N, C-alpha and C. Protein backbone atom coordinates (compact mmCIF):
# COMPACT_ATOMS: atom_id res chain seq x y z
N MET A 1 52.86 -3.05 21.18
CA MET A 1 51.96 -3.19 22.30
C MET A 1 52.04 -1.97 23.22
N SER A 2 53.25 -1.54 23.50
CA SER A 2 53.39 -0.41 24.42
C SER A 2 52.81 0.86 23.82
N TYR A 3 52.88 1.00 22.51
CA TYR A 3 52.28 2.17 21.87
C TYR A 3 50.76 2.16 22.06
N VAL A 4 50.15 1.00 21.96
CA VAL A 4 48.71 0.88 22.14
C VAL A 4 48.32 1.23 23.58
N VAL A 5 49.08 0.71 24.54
CA VAL A 5 48.79 1.00 25.95
C VAL A 5 48.90 2.50 26.21
N MET A 6 49.96 3.11 25.71
CA MET A 6 50.15 4.54 25.96
C MET A 6 49.09 5.39 25.26
N SER A 7 48.73 5.02 24.06
CA SER A 7 47.70 5.81 23.37
C SER A 7 46.34 5.66 24.05
N LEU A 8 46.03 4.48 24.58
CA LEU A 8 44.76 4.30 25.31
C LEU A 8 44.74 5.15 26.58
N LEU A 9 45.81 5.15 27.32
CA LEU A 9 45.85 5.95 28.54
C LEU A 9 45.80 7.44 28.23
N TYR A 10 46.50 7.85 27.19
CA TYR A 10 46.49 9.26 26.80
C TYR A 10 45.09 9.68 26.36
N ASP A 11 44.40 8.81 25.62
CA ASP A 11 43.02 9.10 25.20
C ASP A 11 42.08 9.21 26.40
N GLN A 12 42.29 8.38 27.42
CA GLN A 12 41.45 8.47 28.61
C GLN A 12 41.64 9.81 29.31
N PHE A 13 42.88 10.29 29.39
CA PHE A 13 43.11 11.61 29.97
C PHE A 13 42.42 12.69 29.15
N ASN A 14 42.51 12.60 27.84
CA ASN A 14 41.86 13.60 26.99
C ASN A 14 40.35 13.58 27.14
N LYS A 15 39.74 12.40 27.21
CA LYS A 15 38.29 12.31 27.40
C LYS A 15 37.86 12.92 28.72
N LEU A 16 38.63 12.63 29.77
CA LEU A 16 38.31 13.19 31.07
C LEU A 16 38.42 14.71 31.05
N SER A 17 39.42 15.21 30.39
CA SER A 17 39.59 16.67 30.29
C SER A 17 38.44 17.31 29.51
N GLU A 18 38.01 16.68 28.42
CA GLU A 18 36.90 17.20 27.64
C GLU A 18 35.60 17.19 28.45
N GLU A 19 35.35 16.11 29.18
CA GLU A 19 34.13 16.02 29.98
C GLU A 19 34.15 17.06 31.11
N LEU A 20 35.31 17.29 31.68
CA LEU A 20 35.43 18.30 32.73
C LEU A 20 35.19 19.70 32.15
N SER A 21 35.69 19.94 30.95
CA SER A 21 35.48 21.24 30.30
C SER A 21 34.00 21.49 30.00
N LYS A 22 33.28 20.43 29.65
CA LYS A 22 31.85 20.57 29.37
C LYS A 22 31.05 20.89 30.62
N CYS A 23 31.56 20.49 31.79
CA CYS A 23 30.84 20.75 33.05
C CYS A 23 31.07 22.15 33.58
N ILE A 24 31.97 22.88 32.97
CA ILE A 24 32.24 24.25 33.41
C ILE A 24 31.44 25.20 32.52
N GLY A 25 30.62 26.03 33.15
CA GLY A 25 29.75 26.93 32.41
C GLY A 25 30.49 28.15 31.88
N ASP A 26 29.73 29.03 31.23
CA ASP A 26 30.30 30.25 30.64
C ASP A 26 30.87 31.19 31.70
N ARG A 27 30.27 31.22 32.85
CA ARG A 27 30.72 32.11 33.92
C ARG A 27 31.75 31.47 34.83
N GLY A 28 32.13 30.25 34.55
CA GLY A 28 33.13 29.58 35.35
C GLY A 28 32.55 28.72 36.46
N GLU A 29 31.23 28.60 36.53
CA GLU A 29 30.62 27.77 37.56
C GLU A 29 30.69 26.30 37.13
N PHE A 30 30.83 25.44 38.11
CA PHE A 30 30.95 24.01 37.86
C PHE A 30 29.63 23.33 38.16
N CYS A 31 29.13 22.58 37.20
CA CYS A 31 27.89 21.83 37.41
C CYS A 31 28.19 20.35 37.14
N GLY A 32 28.39 19.62 38.16
CA GLY A 32 28.71 18.21 38.02
C GLY A 32 29.22 17.65 39.34
N ASN A 33 29.67 16.43 39.30
CA ASN A 33 30.18 15.76 40.49
C ASN A 33 31.71 15.82 40.45
N LEU A 34 32.29 16.74 41.21
CA LEU A 34 33.73 16.93 41.22
C LEU A 34 34.45 15.72 41.81
N GLU A 35 33.85 15.08 42.78
CA GLU A 35 34.46 13.91 43.40
C GLU A 35 34.60 12.77 42.39
N GLN A 36 33.61 12.63 41.52
CA GLN A 36 33.68 11.59 40.49
C GLN A 36 34.84 11.87 39.53
N PHE A 37 35.01 13.13 39.13
CA PHE A 37 36.13 13.48 38.26
C PHE A 37 37.47 13.25 38.95
N ARG A 38 37.55 13.57 40.22
CA ARG A 38 38.78 13.37 40.96
C ARG A 38 39.14 11.90 41.05
N ARG A 39 38.15 11.06 41.31
CA ARG A 39 38.39 9.61 41.40
C ARG A 39 38.81 9.04 40.05
N ARG A 40 38.16 9.47 38.98
CA ARG A 40 38.54 8.99 37.64
C ARG A 40 39.96 9.42 37.30
N HIS A 41 40.29 10.66 37.65
CA HIS A 41 41.64 11.16 37.38
C HIS A 41 42.68 10.35 38.17
N GLN A 42 42.40 10.06 39.42
CA GLN A 42 43.32 9.27 40.22
C GLN A 42 43.47 7.86 39.67
N ALA A 43 42.38 7.26 39.21
CA ALA A 43 42.45 5.91 38.65
C ALA A 43 43.30 5.90 37.38
N ILE A 44 43.10 6.86 36.52
CA ILE A 44 43.88 6.93 35.28
C ILE A 44 45.35 7.21 35.61
N SER A 45 45.59 8.07 36.58
CA SER A 45 46.97 8.39 36.96
C SER A 45 47.68 7.18 37.53
N ARG A 46 46.98 6.39 38.32
CA ARG A 46 47.57 5.15 38.83
C ARG A 46 47.85 4.17 37.70
N SER A 47 46.96 4.11 36.72
CA SER A 47 47.19 3.24 35.57
C SER A 47 48.42 3.67 34.79
N VAL A 48 48.59 4.97 34.63
CA VAL A 48 49.77 5.49 33.93
C VAL A 48 51.03 5.15 34.71
N HIS A 49 50.96 5.28 36.02
CA HIS A 49 52.12 4.97 36.84
C HIS A 49 52.50 3.49 36.73
N GLU A 50 51.50 2.61 36.76
CA GLU A 50 51.76 1.18 36.61
C GLU A 50 52.29 0.86 35.21
N ALA A 51 51.72 1.50 34.19
CA ALA A 51 52.20 1.27 32.83
C ALA A 51 53.64 1.74 32.69
N ASP A 52 53.97 2.82 33.35
CA ASP A 52 55.35 3.30 33.32
C ASP A 52 56.29 2.29 33.94
N ARG A 53 55.86 1.67 35.02
CA ARG A 53 56.73 0.70 35.69
C ARG A 53 57.01 -0.52 34.81
N PHE A 54 56.01 -1.05 34.11
CA PHE A 54 56.29 -2.25 33.34
C PHE A 54 56.75 -1.97 31.91
N LEU A 55 56.51 -0.76 31.40
CA LEU A 55 56.99 -0.44 30.06
C LEU A 55 58.35 0.26 30.06
N MET A 56 58.82 0.64 31.23
CA MET A 56 60.09 1.33 31.33
C MET A 56 61.23 0.47 30.76
N ILE A 57 61.26 -0.79 31.10
CA ILE A 57 62.31 -1.68 30.62
C ILE A 57 62.20 -1.87 29.11
N ASN A 58 60.99 -1.99 28.62
CA ASN A 58 60.78 -2.14 27.19
C ASN A 58 61.27 -0.90 26.43
N ASN A 59 60.95 0.28 26.93
CA ASN A 59 61.37 1.51 26.26
C ASN A 59 62.88 1.65 26.26
N VAL A 60 63.52 1.36 27.38
CA VAL A 60 64.98 1.46 27.44
C VAL A 60 65.64 0.47 26.50
N ALA A 61 65.15 -0.76 26.49
CA ALA A 61 65.72 -1.77 25.59
C ALA A 61 65.53 -1.38 24.12
N CYS A 62 64.37 -0.86 23.81
CA CYS A 62 64.09 -0.44 22.44
C CYS A 62 65.00 0.71 22.03
N LEU A 63 65.15 1.69 22.90
CA LEU A 63 66.03 2.82 22.59
C LEU A 63 67.47 2.37 22.39
N CYS A 64 67.95 1.53 23.29
CA CYS A 64 69.34 1.06 23.18
C CYS A 64 69.57 0.24 21.91
N CYS A 65 68.65 -0.67 21.63
CA CYS A 65 68.80 -1.52 20.43
C CYS A 65 68.75 -0.69 19.15
N GLN A 66 67.86 0.28 19.10
CA GLN A 66 67.76 1.10 17.89
C GLN A 66 69.00 1.97 17.70
N ILE A 67 69.53 2.52 18.78
CA ILE A 67 70.73 3.35 18.67
C ILE A 67 71.91 2.51 18.22
N VAL A 68 72.08 1.32 18.79
CA VAL A 68 73.16 0.42 18.37
C VAL A 68 73.00 0.03 16.91
N SER A 69 71.80 -0.25 16.50
CA SER A 69 71.55 -0.64 15.11
C SER A 69 71.86 0.51 14.14
N ILE A 70 71.47 1.73 14.50
CA ILE A 70 71.78 2.89 13.65
C ILE A 70 73.29 3.08 13.55
N ILE A 71 73.98 2.93 14.67
CA ILE A 71 75.45 3.06 14.65
C ILE A 71 76.07 2.00 13.76
N LEU A 72 75.60 0.76 13.84
CA LEU A 72 76.15 -0.31 13.00
C LEU A 72 75.90 -0.06 11.52
N VAL A 73 74.70 0.41 11.18
CA VAL A 73 74.41 0.69 9.77
C VAL A 73 75.29 1.81 9.26
N LEU A 74 75.40 2.89 10.00
CA LEU A 74 76.24 4.00 9.57
C LEU A 74 77.72 3.60 9.51
N TYR A 75 78.18 2.82 10.48
CA TYR A 75 79.57 2.37 10.49
C TYR A 75 79.88 1.51 9.28
N SER A 76 79.00 0.57 9.00
CA SER A 76 79.25 -0.32 7.86
C SER A 76 79.17 0.41 6.53
N THR A 77 78.30 1.40 6.42
CA THR A 77 78.21 2.13 5.15
C THR A 77 79.38 3.08 4.95
N VAL A 78 79.94 3.60 6.03
CA VAL A 78 81.07 4.53 5.90
C VAL A 78 82.38 3.80 5.72
N PHE A 79 82.65 2.80 6.56
CA PHE A 79 83.96 2.17 6.57
C PHE A 79 84.06 0.91 5.69
N PHE A 80 82.96 0.31 5.33
CA PHE A 80 82.96 -0.86 4.46
C PHE A 80 82.10 -0.61 3.23
N ARG A 81 82.31 0.53 2.61
CA ARG A 81 81.50 0.95 1.48
C ARG A 81 81.60 -0.03 0.31
N ASP A 82 82.79 -0.56 0.06
CA ASP A 82 82.97 -1.49 -1.06
C ASP A 82 82.17 -2.77 -0.88
N GLU A 83 82.05 -3.25 0.34
CA GLU A 83 81.33 -4.50 0.59
C GLU A 83 79.82 -4.30 0.74
N THR A 84 79.41 -3.09 1.13
CA THR A 84 77.99 -2.90 1.41
C THR A 84 77.24 -2.17 0.29
N LEU A 85 77.75 -1.04 -0.14
CA LEU A 85 76.99 -0.21 -1.07
C LEU A 85 77.44 -0.30 -2.51
N ALA A 86 78.70 -0.62 -2.73
CA ALA A 86 79.23 -0.58 -4.09
C ALA A 86 78.87 -1.82 -4.91
N GLN A 87 78.36 -2.84 -4.30
CA GLN A 87 78.11 -4.09 -5.01
C GLN A 87 76.85 -4.04 -5.87
N HIS A 88 75.71 -3.77 -5.27
CA HIS A 88 74.44 -3.83 -5.98
C HIS A 88 73.51 -2.71 -5.51
N VAL A 89 72.56 -2.41 -6.36
CA VAL A 89 71.54 -1.43 -5.99
C VAL A 89 70.65 -2.00 -4.88
N ASP A 90 70.46 -3.30 -4.88
CA ASP A 90 69.66 -3.93 -3.82
C ASP A 90 70.26 -3.69 -2.45
N GLY A 91 71.58 -3.72 -2.37
CA GLY A 91 72.25 -3.47 -1.10
C GLY A 91 72.03 -2.05 -0.62
N VAL A 92 72.07 -1.11 -1.54
CA VAL A 92 71.83 0.30 -1.19
C VAL A 92 70.41 0.46 -0.67
N LEU A 93 69.44 -0.12 -1.36
CA LEU A 93 68.04 -0.03 -0.92
C LEU A 93 67.85 -0.71 0.44
N PHE A 94 68.54 -1.82 0.63
CA PHE A 94 68.44 -2.52 1.90
C PHE A 94 68.96 -1.65 3.05
N TYR A 95 70.11 -1.03 2.89
CA TYR A 95 70.68 -0.21 3.95
C TYR A 95 69.86 1.06 4.20
N ILE A 96 69.33 1.64 3.14
CA ILE A 96 68.48 2.82 3.31
C ILE A 96 67.19 2.44 4.04
N THR A 97 66.60 1.32 3.68
CA THR A 97 65.39 0.84 4.35
C THR A 97 65.67 0.52 5.82
N TRP A 98 66.79 -0.15 6.06
CA TRP A 98 67.16 -0.53 7.42
C TRP A 98 67.38 0.72 8.28
N LEU A 99 68.09 1.68 7.74
CA LEU A 99 68.33 2.92 8.48
C LEU A 99 67.03 3.68 8.73
N SER A 100 66.17 3.75 7.72
CA SER A 100 64.89 4.45 7.87
C SER A 100 64.02 3.78 8.93
N PHE A 101 63.96 2.46 8.90
CA PHE A 101 63.17 1.72 9.88
C PHE A 101 63.68 1.98 11.29
N ASN A 102 64.98 1.98 11.47
CA ASN A 102 65.56 2.21 12.80
C ASN A 102 65.31 3.62 13.29
N VAL A 103 65.40 4.60 12.41
CA VAL A 103 65.16 5.99 12.82
C VAL A 103 63.69 6.17 13.21
N VAL A 104 62.78 5.60 12.45
CA VAL A 104 61.35 5.70 12.78
C VAL A 104 61.05 4.98 14.10
N SER A 105 61.64 3.82 14.29
CA SER A 105 61.43 3.08 15.54
C SER A 105 62.00 3.85 16.73
N LEU A 106 63.14 4.47 16.54
CA LEU A 106 63.73 5.27 17.61
C LEU A 106 62.85 6.47 17.95
N ALA A 107 62.31 7.12 16.93
CA ALA A 107 61.43 8.26 17.17
C ALA A 107 60.14 7.82 17.87
N LEU A 108 59.59 6.67 17.51
CA LEU A 108 58.39 6.16 18.16
C LEU A 108 58.65 5.82 19.62
N ALA A 109 59.77 5.16 19.90
CA ALA A 109 60.11 4.81 21.28
C ALA A 109 60.35 6.06 22.11
N ALA A 110 61.02 7.05 21.54
CA ALA A 110 61.26 8.30 22.26
C ALA A 110 59.95 9.03 22.52
N GLY A 111 59.05 9.02 21.54
CA GLY A 111 57.74 9.65 21.73
C GLY A 111 56.94 8.98 22.82
N MET A 112 56.97 7.67 22.88
CA MET A 112 56.26 6.96 23.95
C MET A 112 56.86 7.29 25.31
N ALA A 113 58.17 7.38 25.38
CA ALA A 113 58.81 7.72 26.65
C ALA A 113 58.42 9.13 27.09
N ILE A 114 58.29 10.03 26.14
CA ILE A 114 57.89 11.40 26.47
C ILE A 114 56.46 11.43 27.00
N VAL A 115 55.57 10.69 26.37
CA VAL A 115 54.17 10.66 26.82
C VAL A 115 54.08 10.07 28.23
N VAL A 116 54.80 8.98 28.47
CA VAL A 116 54.77 8.36 29.80
C VAL A 116 55.34 9.32 30.85
N ASN A 117 56.45 9.93 30.52
CA ASN A 117 57.09 10.85 31.47
C ASN A 117 56.17 12.02 31.79
N HIS A 118 55.50 12.56 30.79
CA HIS A 118 54.59 13.68 31.00
C HIS A 118 53.42 13.28 31.90
N ALA A 119 52.84 12.13 31.64
CA ALA A 119 51.70 11.69 32.44
C ALA A 119 52.12 11.38 33.87
N VAL A 120 53.27 10.77 34.06
CA VAL A 120 53.72 10.45 35.41
C VAL A 120 54.08 11.72 36.16
N ARG A 121 54.65 12.70 35.48
CA ARG A 121 54.96 13.99 36.13
C ARG A 121 53.68 14.64 36.66
N LEU A 122 52.61 14.60 35.86
CA LEU A 122 51.34 15.16 36.32
C LEU A 122 50.84 14.42 37.55
N TYR A 123 50.96 13.10 37.53
CA TYR A 123 50.52 12.29 38.67
C TYR A 123 51.33 12.63 39.91
N ASP A 124 52.65 12.71 39.78
CA ASP A 124 53.50 13.02 40.93
C ASP A 124 53.24 14.43 41.45
N THR A 125 52.99 15.38 40.56
CA THR A 125 52.70 16.76 40.98
C THR A 125 51.41 16.82 41.77
N ILE A 126 50.38 16.14 41.31
CA ILE A 126 49.09 16.12 42.00
C ILE A 126 49.23 15.42 43.33
N ARG A 127 49.95 14.30 43.36
CA ARG A 127 50.12 13.56 44.61
C ARG A 127 50.93 14.38 45.61
N HIS A 128 51.92 15.12 45.13
CA HIS A 128 52.73 15.96 46.01
C HIS A 128 51.88 17.07 46.63
N LYS A 129 50.97 17.64 45.85
CA LYS A 129 50.09 18.71 46.36
C LYS A 129 49.13 18.16 47.40
N GLU A 130 48.69 16.90 47.24
CA GLU A 130 47.77 16.31 48.20
C GLU A 130 48.44 16.06 49.53
N LEU A 131 49.75 15.78 49.51
CA LEU A 131 50.46 15.50 50.75
C LEU A 131 50.65 16.75 51.61
N PHE A 132 50.73 17.90 50.96
CA PHE A 132 50.98 19.13 51.71
C PHE A 132 49.78 19.96 51.76
């Protein structure tokens, strides 16, 4: 769910950027309603900030659970090799699949955290400039 929310917000930023680029002519002149673009950007930035607030706990929990799971898989395969890997080929496939799933999930959660952090940084930078 959080991946869908983040990708939708990221796509909205990209669409706004593309539309703004289309309004800028070859000589650098702007033909359009700048206030409308500013309002849309602020609305999307507020949405990103709110999404960061409610997805922050989800991202932290996901990162922690995946790291603990990877540690457990590696620990059991290194120190309990006779009970885990030496018995059957099915066990080896199971542990490889489990480890692969956890690494991919960890990478996805980290990627979402990076996207949220980047979007919120832009929002905070713009808000900071407006204050001064």
